[in-house]
Structure formats: structure tokens, C-alpha cells
PDB file of N, CA and C in Angstrom:
ATOM      1  N   MET A   1      18.873   1.397  -7.151  1.00  0.00           N
ATOM      2  CA  MET A   1      17.786   0.282  -7.265  1.00  0.00           C
ATOM      3  C   MET A   1      17.597  -0.551  -8.629  1.00  0.00           C
ATOM      4  N   ASP A   2      17.658  -1.523  -8.477  1.00  0.00           N
ATOM      5  CA  ASP A   2      17.450  -2.600  -9.809  1.00  0.00           C
ATOM      6  C   ASP A   2      16.038  -2.535 -10.199  1.00  0.00           C
ATOM      7  N   ILE A   3      15.947  -2.718 -11.251  1.00  0.00           N
ATOM      8  CA  ILE A   3      14.506  -2.471 -11.889  1.00  0.00           C
ATOM      9  C   ILE A   3      14.294  -3.862 -12.820  1.00  0.00           C
ATOM     10  N   ASN A   4      13.536  -4.608 -12.725  1.00  0.00           N
ATOM     11  CA  ASN A   4      13.282  -6.117 -13.300  1.00  0.00           C
ATOM     12  C   ASN A   4      11.968  -5.615 -14.361  1.00  0.00           C
ATOM     13  N   PHE A   5      11.923  -5.975 -15.621  1.00  0.00           N
ATOM     14  CA  PHE A   5      11.061  -5.975 -16.145  1.00  0.00           C
ATOM     15  C   PHE A   5      10.392  -7.442 -17.002  1.00  0.00           C
ATOM     16  N   ASN A   6       8.894  -7.400 -16.585  1.00  0.00           N
ATOM     17  CA  ASN A   6       8.591  -8.885 -17.306  1.00  0.00           C
ATOM     18  C   ASN A   6       7.391  -8.482 -18.182  1.00  0.00           C
ATOM     19  N   TYR A   7       7.392  -9.613 -19.212  1.00  0.00           N
ATOM     20  CA  TYR A   7       6.634  -9.146 -20.120  1.00  0.00           C
ATOM     21  C   TYR A   7       5.715 -10.392 -20.297  1.00  0.00           C
ATOM     22  N   VAL A   8       4.065 -10.304 -20.283  1.00  0.00           N
ATOM     23  CA  VAL A   8       3.168 -11.459 -20.354  1.00  0.00           C
ATOM     24  C   VAL A   8       2.461 -11.260 -21.751  1.00  0.00           C
ATOM     25  N   HIS A   9       2.472 -12.126 -22.759  1.00  0.00           N
ATOM     26  CA  HIS A   9       1.618 -11.689 -23.650  1.00  0.00           C
ATOM     27  C   HIS A   9       2.106 -10.445 -24.511  1.00  0.00           C
ATOM     28  N   VAL A  10       3.237  -9.680 -24.019  1.00  0.00           N
ATOM     29  CA  VAL A  10       3.328  -8.455 -24.604  1.00  0.00           C
ATOM     30  C   VAL A  10       4.969  -8.888 -25.087  1.00  0.00           C
ATOM     31  N   SER A  11       5.227  -8.117 -26.236  1.00  0.00           N
ATOM     32  CA  SER A  11       6.679  -7.900 -26.747  1.00  0.00           C
ATOM     33  C   SER A  11       7.517  -6.804 -26.114  1.00  0.00           C
ATOM     34  N   ALA A  12       8.548  -7.307 -25.486  1.00  0.00           N
ATOM     35  CA  ALA A  12       9.808  -6.345 -24.860  1.00  0.00           C
ATOM     36  C   ALA A  12       9.484  -4.815 -25.772  1.00  0.00           C
ATOM     37  N   SER A  13       9.363  -3.701 -25.097  1.00  0.00           N
ATOM     38  CA  SER A  13       9.362  -2.280 -25.472  1.00  0.00           C
ATOM     39  C   SER A  13      10.156  -1.613 -24.905  1.00  0.00           C
ATOM     40  N   GLU A  14      11.466  -1.021 -25.506  1.00  0.00           N
ATOM     41  CA  GLU A  14      12.154  -0.186 -24.769  1.00  0.00           C
ATOM     42  C   GLU A  14      11.740   0.770 -24.384  1.00  0.00           C
ATOM     43  N   ARG A  15      10.885   1.514 -25.094  1.00  0.00           N
ATOM     44  CA  ARG A  15       9.847   2.482 -24.798  1.00  0.00           C
ATOM     45  C   ARG A  15       9.580   2.671 -23.615  1.00  0.00           C
ATOM     46  N   LEU A  16       8.824   1.716 -23.348  1.00  0.00           N
ATOM     47  CA  LEU A  16       7.905   1.275 -22.052  1.00  0.00           C
ATOM     48  C   LEU A  16       8.782   1.207 -21.053  1.00  0.00           C
ATOM     49  N   GLU A  17      10.062   0.531 -21.157  1.00  0.00           N
ATOM     50  CA  GLU A  17      10.955   0.560 -20.113  1.00  0.00           C
ATOM     51  C   GLU A  17      11.476   1.726 -19.774  1.00  0.00           C
ATOM     52  N   GLU A  18      11.974   2.516 -20.713  1.00  0.00           N
ATOM     53  CA  GLU A  18      12.372   3.891 -20.524  1.00  0.00           C
ATOM     54  C   GLU A  18      11.182   4.740 -19.687  1.00  0.00           C
ATOM     55  N   LEU A  19      10.056   4.663 -19.926  1.00  0.00           N
ATOM     56  CA  LEU A  19       9.018   5.428 -19.277  1.00  0.00           C
ATOM     57  C   LEU A  19       9.032   5.169 -17.957  1.00  0.00           C
ATOM     58  N   ALA A  20       9.008   3.821 -17.805  1.00  0.00           N
ATOM     59  CA  ALA A  20       8.866   3.269 -16.425  1.00  0.00           C
ATOM     60  C   ALA A  20      10.131   3.700 -15.432  1.00  0.00           C
ATOM     61  N   THR A  21      11.279   3.464 -16.002  1.00  0.00           N
ATOM     62  CA  THR A  21      12.424   3.659 -15.295  1.00  0.00           C
ATOM     63  C   THR A  21      12.357   5.092 -15.379  1.00  0.00           C
ATOM     64  N   LYS A  22      12.111   6.001 -15.759  1.00  0.00           N
ATOM     65  CA  LYS A  22      12.249   7.638 -15.494  1.00  0.00           C
ATOM     66  C   LYS A  22      11.457   7.693 -14.355  1.00  0.00           C
ATOM     67  N   LYS A  23      10.220   7.118 -14.167  1.00  0.00           N
ATOM     68  CA  LYS A  23       9.078   7.442 -13.616  1.00  0.00           C
ATOM     69  C   LYS A  23       9.798   6.694 -11.774  1.00  0.00           C
ATOM     70  N   LEU A  24      10.023   5.609 -11.954  1.00  0.00           N
ATOM     71  CA  LEU A  24      10.922   5.075 -10.964  1.00  0.00           C
ATOM     72  C   LEU A  24      11.861   5.279 -10.363  1.00  0.00           C
ATOM     73  N   GLU A  25      12.449   6.353 -11.394  1.00  0.00           N
ATOM     74  CA  GLU A  25      14.078   6.741 -10.676  1.00  0.00           C
ATOM     75  C   GLU A  25      13.577   8.058  -9.787  1.00  0.00           C
ATOM     76  N   LYS A  26      12.569   9.007 -10.089  1.00  0.00           N
ATOM     77  CA  LYS A  26      12.209   9.883  -9.632  1.00  0.00           C
ATOM     78  C   LYS A  26      11.588   9.340  -8.034  1.00  0.00           C
ATOM     79  N   LEU A  27      11.031   8.251  -7.953  1.00  0.00           N
ATOM     80  CA  LEU A  27      10.538   7.703  -6.751  1.00  0.00           C
ATOM     81  C   LEU A  27      11.891   7.587  -5.860  1.00  0.00           C
ATOM     82  N   GLN A  28      12.730   7.047  -6.656  1.00  0.00           N
ATOM     83  CA  GLN A  28      13.989   6.564  -5.872  1.00  0.00           C
ATOM     84  C   GLN A  28      14.605   7.733  -5.208  1.00  0.00           C
ATOM     85  N   ASN A  29      14.647   8.456  -5.697  1.00  0.00           N
ATOM     86  CA  ASN A  29      15.302  10.146  -5.633  1.00  0.00           C
ATOM     87  C   ASN A  29      14.342  10.710  -4.193  1.00  0.00           C
ATOM     88  N   ARG A  30      13.391  10.213  -4.062  1.00  0.00           N
ATOM     89  CA  ARG A  30      12.713  10.927  -2.690  1.00  0.00           C
ATOM     90  C   ARG A  30      12.135   9.697  -1.563  1.00  0.00           C
ATOM     91  N   TYR A  31      12.695   8.449  -2.000  1.00  0.00           N
ATOM     92  CA  TYR A  31      12.626   7.534  -0.917  1.00  0.00           C
ATOM     93  C   TYR A  31      13.944   6.715  -1.264  1.00  0.00           C
ATOM     94  N   ASP A  32      14.984   7.171  -0.895  1.00  0.00           N
ATOM     95  CA  ASP A  32      16.132   6.326  -0.995  1.00  0.00           C
ATOM     96  C   ASP A  32      16.392   4.963  -0.655  1.00  0.00           C
ATOM     97  N   TRP A  33      15.228   4.365   0.441  1.00  0.00           N
ATOM     98  CA  TRP A  33      15.040   2.943   1.085  1.00  0.00           C
ATOM     99  C   TRP A  33      14.587   1.938   0.110  1.00  0.00           C
ATOM    100  N   ILE A  34      14.120   2.268  -1.190  1.00  0.00           N
ATOM    101  CA  ILE A  34      13.625   1.525  -2.074  1.00  0.00           C
ATOM    102  C   ILE A  34      14.762   0.328  -2.674  1.00  0.00           C
ATOM    103  N   VAL A  35      14.669  -0.403  -2.273  1.00  0.00           N
ATOM    104  CA  VAL A  35      16.044  -1.412  -2.820  1.00  0.00           C
ATOM    105  C   VAL A  35      15.726  -2.024  -4.438  1.00  0.00           C
ATOM    106  N   ARG A  36      14.344  -2.473  -4.801  1.00  0.00           N
ATOM    107  CA  ARG A  36      14.124  -2.956  -6.109  1.00  0.00           C
ATOM    108  C   ARG A  36      12.742  -2.955  -6.620  1.00  0.00           C
ATOM    109  N   ALA A  37      12.756  -2.748  -7.879  1.00  0.00           N
ATOM    110  CA  ALA A  37      11.285  -2.769  -8.634  1.00  0.00           C
ATOM    111  C   ALA A  37      11.239  -3.844  -9.581  1.00  0.00           C
ATOM    112  N   GLU A  38       9.844  -4.568  -9.564  1.00  0.00           N
ATOM    113  CA  GLU A  38       9.516  -5.289 -10.615  1.00  0.00           C
ATOM    114  C   GLU A  38       8.563  -4.777 -11.404  1.00  0.00           C
ATOM    115  N   VAL A  39       8.556  -4.668 -12.386  1.00  0.00           N
ATOM    116  CA  VAL A  39       7.467  -4.069 -13.301  1.00  0.00           C
ATOM    117  C   VAL A  39       7.123  -5.301 -14.285  1.00  0.00           C
ATOM    118  N   PHE A  40       5.707  -5.615 -14.436  1.00  0.00           N
ATOM    119  CA  PHE A  40       5.262  -6.253 -15.207  1.00  0.00           C
ATOM    120  C   PHE A  40       3.873  -5.771 -16.047  1.00  0.00           C
ATOM    121  N   PHE A  41       4.247  -6.049 -17.424  1.00  0.00           N
ATOM    122  CA  PHE A  41       3.628  -5.803 -18.461  1.00  0.00           C
ATOM    123  C   PHE A  41       2.683  -6.645 -18.833  1.00  0.00           C
ATOM    124  N   LYS A  42       1.302  -6.724 -19.068  1.00  0.00           N
ATOM    125  CA  LYS A  42       0.556  -7.893 -19.265  1.00  0.00           C
ATOM    126  C   LYS A  42      -0.688  -7.436 -20.365  1.00  0.00           C
ATOM    127  N   LYS A  43      -0.991  -8.016 -21.109  1.00  0.00           N
ATOM    128  CA  LYS A  43      -1.875  -7.796 -22.274  1.00  0.00           C
ATOM    129  C   LYS A  43      -3.190  -8.885 -21.906  1.00  0.00           C
ATOM    130  N   GLU A  44      -4.288  -8.572 -21.363  1.00  0.00           N
ATOM    131  CA  GLU A  44      -5.192  -9.246 -21.361  1.00  0.00           C
ATOM    132  C   GLU A  44      -6.191  -9.047 -22.343  1.00  0.00           C
ATOM    133  N   ASN A  45      -6.956 -10.238 -22.808  1.00  0.00           N
ATOM    134  CA  ASN A  45      -8.234 -10.076 -23.835  1.00  0.00           C
ATOM    135  C   ASN A  45      -9.491 -10.263 -23.220  1.00  0.00           C
ATOM    136  N   THR A  46      -9.471  -8.956 -23.454  1.00  0.00           N
ATOM    137  CA  THR A  46     -11.268  -8.583 -22.919  1.00  0.00           C
ATOM    138  C   THR A  46     -12.293  -8.023 -23.769  1.00  0.00           C
ATOM    139  N   SER A  47     -13.503  -7.807 -23.581  1.00  0.00           N
ATOM    140  CA  SER A  47     -14.359  -7.813 -24.420  1.00  0.00           C
ATOM    141  C   SER A  47     -14.258  -6.031 -24.502  1.00  0.00           C
ATOM    142  N   SER A  48     -13.969  -5.454 -23.324  1.00  0.00           N
ATOM    143  CA  SER A  48     -14.068  -4.194 -23.158  1.00  0.00           C
ATOM    144  C   SER A  48     -12.830  -3.295 -24.036  1.00  0.00           C
ATOM    145  N   PRO A  49     -12.869  -2.517 -24.656  1.00  0.00           N
ATOM    146  CA  PRO A  49     -12.084  -1.695 -25.403  1.00  0.00           C
ATOM    147  C   PRO A  49     -11.276  -0.534 -24.451  1.00  0.00           C
ATOM    148  N   GLU A  50     -11.740  -0.139 -23.329  1.00  0.00           N
ATOM    149  CA  GLU A  50     -11.127   0.521 -22.486  1.00  0.00           C
ATOM    150  C   GLU A  50     -10.390   0.041 -21.454  1.00  0.00           C
ATOM    151  N   THR A  51     -10.154  -1.323 -21.523  1.00  0.00           N
ATOM    152  CA  THR A  51      -9.041  -2.208 -20.605  1.00  0.00           C
ATOM    153  C   THR A  51      -8.136  -3.152 -21.271  1.00  0.00           C
ATOM    154  N   GLY A  52      -7.175  -3.810 -20.465  1.00  0.00           N
ATOM    155  CA  GLY A  52      -6.733  -4.785 -21.337  1.00  0.00           C
ATOM    156  C   GLY A  52      -5.012  -4.606 -21.266  1.00  0.00           C
ATOM    157  N   MET A  53      -4.509  -3.546 -21.019  1.00  0.00           N
ATOM    158  CA  MET A  53      -3.030  -3.177 -20.741  1.00  0.00           C
ATOM    159  C   MET A  53      -3.041  -3.087 -19.215  1.00  0.00           C
ATOM    160  N   ILE A  54      -2.280  -3.895 -18.597  1.00  0.00           N
ATOM    161  CA  ILE A  54      -2.139  -4.209 -17.165  1.00  0.00           C
ATOM    162  C   ILE A  54      -0.619  -3.506 -17.235  1.00  0.00           C
ATOM    163  N   CYS A  55      -0.109  -2.972 -16.225  1.00  0.00           N
ATOM    164  CA  CYS A  55       1.072  -2.443 -15.463  1.00  0.00           C
ATOM    165  C   CYS A  55       0.916  -2.944 -14.015  1.00  0.00           C
ATOM    166  N   GLU A  56       1.687  -3.749 -13.575  1.00  0.00           N
ATOM    167  CA  GLU A  56       2.132  -4.039 -12.294  1.00  0.00           C
ATOM    168  C   GLU A  56       3.519  -3.805 -11.675  1.00  0.00           C
ATOM    169  N   VAL A  57       3.321  -2.837 -10.368  1.00  0.00           N
ATOM    170  CA  VAL A  57       4.482  -2.548  -9.969  1.00  0.00           C
ATOM    171  C   VAL A  57       4.742  -3.273  -8.531  1.00  0.00           C
ATOM    172  N   LYS A  58       6.029  -3.967  -8.241  1.00  0.00           N
ATOM    173  CA  LYS A  58       6.435  -4.412  -7.077  1.00  0.00           C
ATOM    174  C   LYS A  58       7.601  -3.846  -6.393  1.00  0.00           C
ATOM    175  N   LEU A  59       7.328  -3.193  -5.435  1.00  0.00           N
ATOM    176  CA  LEU A  59       8.732  -2.317  -4.889  1.00  0.00           C
ATOM    177  C   LEU A  59       9.257  -3.181  -3.785  1.00  0.00           C
ATOM    178  N   SER A  60      10.204  -3.309  -3.763  1.00  0.00           N
ATOM    179  CA  SER A  60      11.183  -4.161  -1.956  1.00  0.00           C
ATOM    180  C   SER A  60      11.580  -3.116  -1.462  1.00  0.00           C
ATOM    181  N   ALA A  61      11.021  -3.136  -0.304  1.00  0.00           N
ATOM    182  CA  ALA A  61      11.244  -2.037   0.700  1.00  0.00           C
ATOM    183  C   ALA A  61      11.497  -2.472   2.065  1.00  0.00           C
ATOM    184  N   PRO A  62      12.232  -1.854   2.921  1.00  0.00           N
ATOM    185  CA  PRO A  62      12.089  -2.533   4.429  1.00  0.00           C
ATOM    186  C   PRO A  62      10.713  -2.634   5.218  1.00  0.00           C
ATOM    187  N   GLY A  63      10.278  -3.800   5.609  1.00  0.00           N
ATOM    188  CA  GLY A  63       9.316  -4.102   5.997  1.00  0.00           C
ATOM    189  C   GLY A  63       8.418  -4.844   4.718  1.00  0.00           C
ATOM    190  N   GLN A  64       7.259  -4.323   4.847  1.00  0.00           N
ATOM    191  CA  GLN A  64       6.441  -4.952   3.644  1.00  0.00           C
ATOM    192  C   GLN A  64       6.530  -4.390   2.537  1.00  0.00           C
ATOM    193  N   ASN A  65       6.349  -5.459   1.386  1.00  0.00           N
ATOM    194  CA  ASN A  65       6.927  -4.915  -0.034  1.00  0.00           C
ATOM    195  C   ASN A  65       5.523  -4.160  -0.479  1.00  0.00           C
ATOM    196  N   ILE A  66       5.470  -3.215  -1.314  1.00  0.00           N
ATOM    197  CA  ILE A  66       4.920  -2.349  -1.932  1.00  0.00           C
ATOM    198  C   ILE A  66       4.366  -2.784  -3.187  1.00  0.00           C
ATOM    199  N   PHE A  67       2.909  -2.966  -3.325  1.00  0.00           N
ATOM    200  CA  PHE A  67       2.471  -3.429  -4.798  1.00  0.00           C
ATOM    201  C   PHE A  67       1.124  -2.129  -5.693  1.00  0.00           C
ATOM    202  N   ALA A  68       1.014  -2.051  -6.593  1.00  0.00           N
ATOM    203  CA  ALA A  68       0.172  -1.640  -7.218  1.00  0.00           C
ATOM    204  C   ALA A  68      -0.072  -2.261  -8.478  1.00  0.00           C
ATOM    205  N   SER A  69      -1.251  -1.968  -9.132  1.00  0.00           N
ATOM    206  CA  SER A  69      -1.501  -2.411 -10.339  1.00  0.00           C
ATOM    207  C   SER A  69      -2.838  -1.731 -11.149  1.00  0.00           C
ATOM    208  N   SER A  70      -2.677  -1.578 -12.443  1.00  0.00           N
ATOM    209  CA  SER A  70      -3.678  -0.777 -13.370  1.00  0.00           C
ATOM    210  C   SER A  70      -3.882  -1.128 -14.650  1.00  0.00           C
ATOM    211  N   ASN A  71      -5.158  -1.382 -14.792  1.00  0.00           N
ATOM    212  CA  ASN A  71      -5.659  -1.720 -16.254  1.00  0.00           C
ATOM    213  C   ASN A  71      -6.632  -0.668 -17.002  1.00  0.00           C
ATOM    214  N   GLU A  72      -5.561  -0.364 -18.243  1.00  0.00           N
ATOM    215  CA  GLU A  72      -6.174   0.771 -18.780  1.00  0.00           C
ATOM    216  C   GLU A  72      -6.032   0.418 -20.574  1.00  0.00           C
ATOM    217  N   LYS A  73      -6.462   1.452 -21.024  1.00  0.00           N
ATOM    218  CA  LYS A  73      -6.490   0.986 -22.437  1.00  0.00           C
ATOM    219  C   LYS A  73      -5.090   0.960 -23.031  1.00  0.00           C
ATOM    220  N   GLY A  74      -4.287   1.891 -22.497  1.00  0.00           N
ATOM    221  CA  GLY A  74      -2.815   1.900 -22.794  1.00  0.00           C
ATOM    222  C   GLY A  74      -1.659   1.541 -21.942  1.00  0.00           C
ATOM    223  N   PHE A  75      -0.480   1.412 -22.204  1.00  0.00           N
ATOM    224  CA  PHE A  75       0.812   1.210 -21.117  1.00  0.00           C
ATOM    225  C   PHE A  75       0.938   2.345 -20.584  1.00  0.00           C
ATOM    226  N   GLU A  76       0.844   3.383 -21.202  1.00  0.00           N
ATOM    227  CA  GLU A  76       1.489   4.707 -21.056  1.00  0.00           C
ATOM    228  C   GLU A  76       0.520   5.396 -19.548  1.00  0.00           C
ATOM    229  N   VAL A  77      -0.919   5.036 -19.827  1.00  0.00           N
ATOM    230  CA  VAL A  77      -1.685   5.511 -18.833  1.00  0.00           C
ATOM    231  C   VAL A  77      -1.830   4.327 -17.532  1.00  0.00           C
ATOM    232  N   ALA A  78      -1.530   3.356 -17.999  1.00  0.00           N
ATOM    233  CA  ALA A  78      -1.247   2.236 -16.839  1.00  0.00           C
ATOM    234  C   ALA A  78      -0.098   2.671 -16.024  1.00  0.00           C
ATOM    235  N   ILE A  79       1.059   2.857 -16.745  1.00  0.00           N
ATOM    236  CA  ILE A  79       2.040   3.093 -15.584  1.00  0.00           C
ATOM    237  C   ILE A  79       1.954   4.491 -14.993  1.00  0.00           C
ATOM    238  N   SER A  80       1.431   5.449 -15.760  1.00  0.00           N
ATOM    239  CA  SER A  80       1.158   6.536 -14.617  1.00  0.00           C
ATOM    240  C   SER A  80       0.277   6.311 -13.424  1.00  0.00           C
ATOM    241  N   ASN A  81      -0.863   5.772 -13.634  1.00  0.00           N
ATOM    242  CA  ASN A  81      -1.865   5.371 -12.675  1.00  0.00           C
ATOM    243  C   ASN A  81      -1.142   4.314 -11.520  1.00  0.00           C
ATOM    244  N   THR A  82      -0.608   3.519 -11.965  1.00  0.00           N
ATOM    245  CA  THR A  82       0.414   2.617 -11.177  1.00  0.00           C
ATOM    246  C   THR A  82       1.198   3.210 -10.160  1.00  0.00           C
ATOM    247  N   VAL A  83       2.081   4.058 -10.934  1.00  0.00           N
ATOM    248  CA  VAL A  83       3.338   5.001 -10.213  1.00  0.00           C
ATOM    249  C   VAL A  83       2.378   5.890  -9.020  1.00  0.00           C
ATOM    250  N   ASP A  84       1.283   6.481  -9.477  1.00  0.00           N
ATOM    251  CA  ASP A  84       0.912   7.250  -8.678  1.00  0.00           C
ATOM    252  C   ASP A  84       0.206   6.588  -7.340  1.00  0.00           C
ATOM    253  N   ASP A  85      -0.250   5.394  -7.475  1.00  0.00           N
ATOM    254  CA  ASP A  85      -0.748   4.487  -6.138  1.00  0.00           C
ATOM    255  C   ASP A  85       0.509   4.156  -5.434  1.00  0.00           C
ATOM    256  N   VAL A  86       1.477   3.686  -5.848  1.00  0.00           N
ATOM    257  CA  VAL A  86       2.913   3.354  -5.381  1.00  0.00           C
ATOM    258  C   VAL A  86       3.162   4.659  -4.356  1.00  0.00           C
ATOM    259  N   THR A  87       3.604   5.808  -5.077  1.00  0.00           N
ATOM    260  CA  THR A  87       3.497   7.091  -4.538  1.00  0.00           C
ATOM    261  C   THR A  87       2.504   7.060  -3.225  1.00  0.00           C
ATOM    262  N   ARG A  88       1.741   7.242  -3.332  1.00  0.00           N
ATOM    263  CA  ARG A  88       0.730   7.317  -2.092  1.00  0.00           C
ATOM    264  C   ARG A  88       1.044   6.177  -1.074  1.00  0.00           C
ATOM    265  N   GLN A  89       1.310   5.130  -1.388  1.00  0.00           N
ATOM    266  CA  GLN A  89       1.531   4.167  -0.729  1.00  0.00           C
ATOM    267  C   GLN A  89       2.908   4.367   0.256  1.00  0.00           C
ATOM    268  N   LEU A  90       4.095   4.758  -0.685  1.00  0.00           N
ATOM    269  CA  LEU A  90       5.126   5.236  -0.209  1.00  0.00           C
ATOM    270  C   LEU A  90       5.097   6.215   0.683  1.00  0.00           C
ATOM    271  N   GLN A  91       4.366   7.200   0.675  1.00  0.00           N
ATOM    272  CA  GLN A  91       4.251   8.505   1.485  1.00  0.00           C
ATOM    273  C   GLN A  91       3.625   8.170   2.855  1.00  0.00           C
ATOM    274  N   LYS A  92       2.638   7.026   2.395  1.00  0.00           N
ATOM    275  CA  LYS A  92       1.797   6.767   4.009  1.00  0.00           C
ATOM    276  C   LYS A  92       2.786   5.983   4.602  1.00  0.00           C
ATOM    277  N   LYS A  93       3.795   5.256   4.305  1.00  0.00           N
ATOM    278  CA  LYS A  93       4.912   4.136   4.928  1.00  0.00           C
ATOM    279  C   LYS A  93       6.008   5.082   5.332  1.00  0.00           C
ATOM    280  N   LYS A  94       6.283   6.238   4.610  1.00  0.00           N
ATOM    281  CA  LYS A  94       7.256   7.275   5.292  1.00  0.00           C
ATOM    282  C   LYS A  94       6.947   7.702   6.298  1.00  0.00           C
ATOM    283  N   GLU A  95       5.213   8.495   6.372  1.00  0.00           N
ATOM    284  CA  GLU A  95       4.771   8.828   7.352  1.00  0.00           C
ATOM    285  C   GLU A  95       5.051   8.042   8.718  1.00  0.00           C
ATOM    286  N   LYS A  96       4.637   6.577   8.572  1.00  0.00           N
ATOM    287  CA  LYS A  96       4.712   5.845   9.480  1.00  0.00           C
ATOM    288  C   LYS A  96       6.608   5.592  10.009  1.00  0.00           C
ATOM    289  N   MET A  97       6.969   5.461   9.068  1.00  0.00           N
ATOM    290  CA  MET A  97       8.625   5.268   9.653  1.00  0.00           C
ATOM    291  C   MET A  97       8.948   6.651  10.242  1.00  0.00           C
ATOM    292  N   THR A  98       8.488   7.645  10.180  1.00  0.00           N
ATOM    293  CA  THR A  98       9.115   9.072  10.691  1.00  0.00           C
ATOM    294  C   THR A  98       8.710   9.240  12.382  1.00  0.00           C
ATOM    295  N   PRO A  99       9.651   9.349  13.016  1.00  0.00           N
ATOM    296  CA  PRO A  99       9.279   9.319  14.455  1.00  0.00           C
ATOM    297  C   PRO A  99       8.687  10.747  14.758  1.00  0.00           C
ATOM    298  N   ARG A 100       7.890  10.812  15.515  1.00  0.00           N
ATOM    299  CA  ARG A 100       7.033  11.998  16.163  1.00  0.00           C
ATOM    300  C   ARG A 100       7.568  12.597  17.387  1.00  0.00           C
TER     301      ARG A 100
END
């Protein structure tokens, strides 16, 4: 699986890339039909201190692409929440793909 990282108003971070890659590789092991992942890290200027760090993940897979986004206080939490959302969507997709 190819993983592309994009940064918007954030400087590139090897630590964030490693964390996201580790979580996405676990998904790749469970769902081998994932082709590519695009991960976006964005920083939003907000008045609320509880949000502003956005992580978006877009997975290319057969059929419709899978997308999730999370806006949190830190990128680590945003990555975890986004990957959790993507995992739920992948599970639903797998159930639809499985013949009954």
C-alpha cells in the first residue's frame, strides 16, 4: 500500500508519519484490498483550544473510496480517532463484500 502524506499549515513530521504508517499498516494486514492511503495533516486557526489539529485519511479500495476526518487538540488523538472511523467503514465494506 502506498501512503502519501500532505501537510497544510503544518511542518512535516517524521514522528506523525511513523505513527500514522504503523496504524495504517495494521489495517493493510486485515484488509489486503486497500490500494493506497492519503493522509492530510491540517492546522486550523480556531478560538477553541480543544480543536484545531485535523487529520484526514482517504483510502483507495475497490468500489467507493473511504474517507474519515477528525478535529482534535493534538495530532496523535486525531490520527487515532480517524483510523477508528476508517476501521468501522472498512468492516462494513467487508461485510457487504462477503458472500452469504
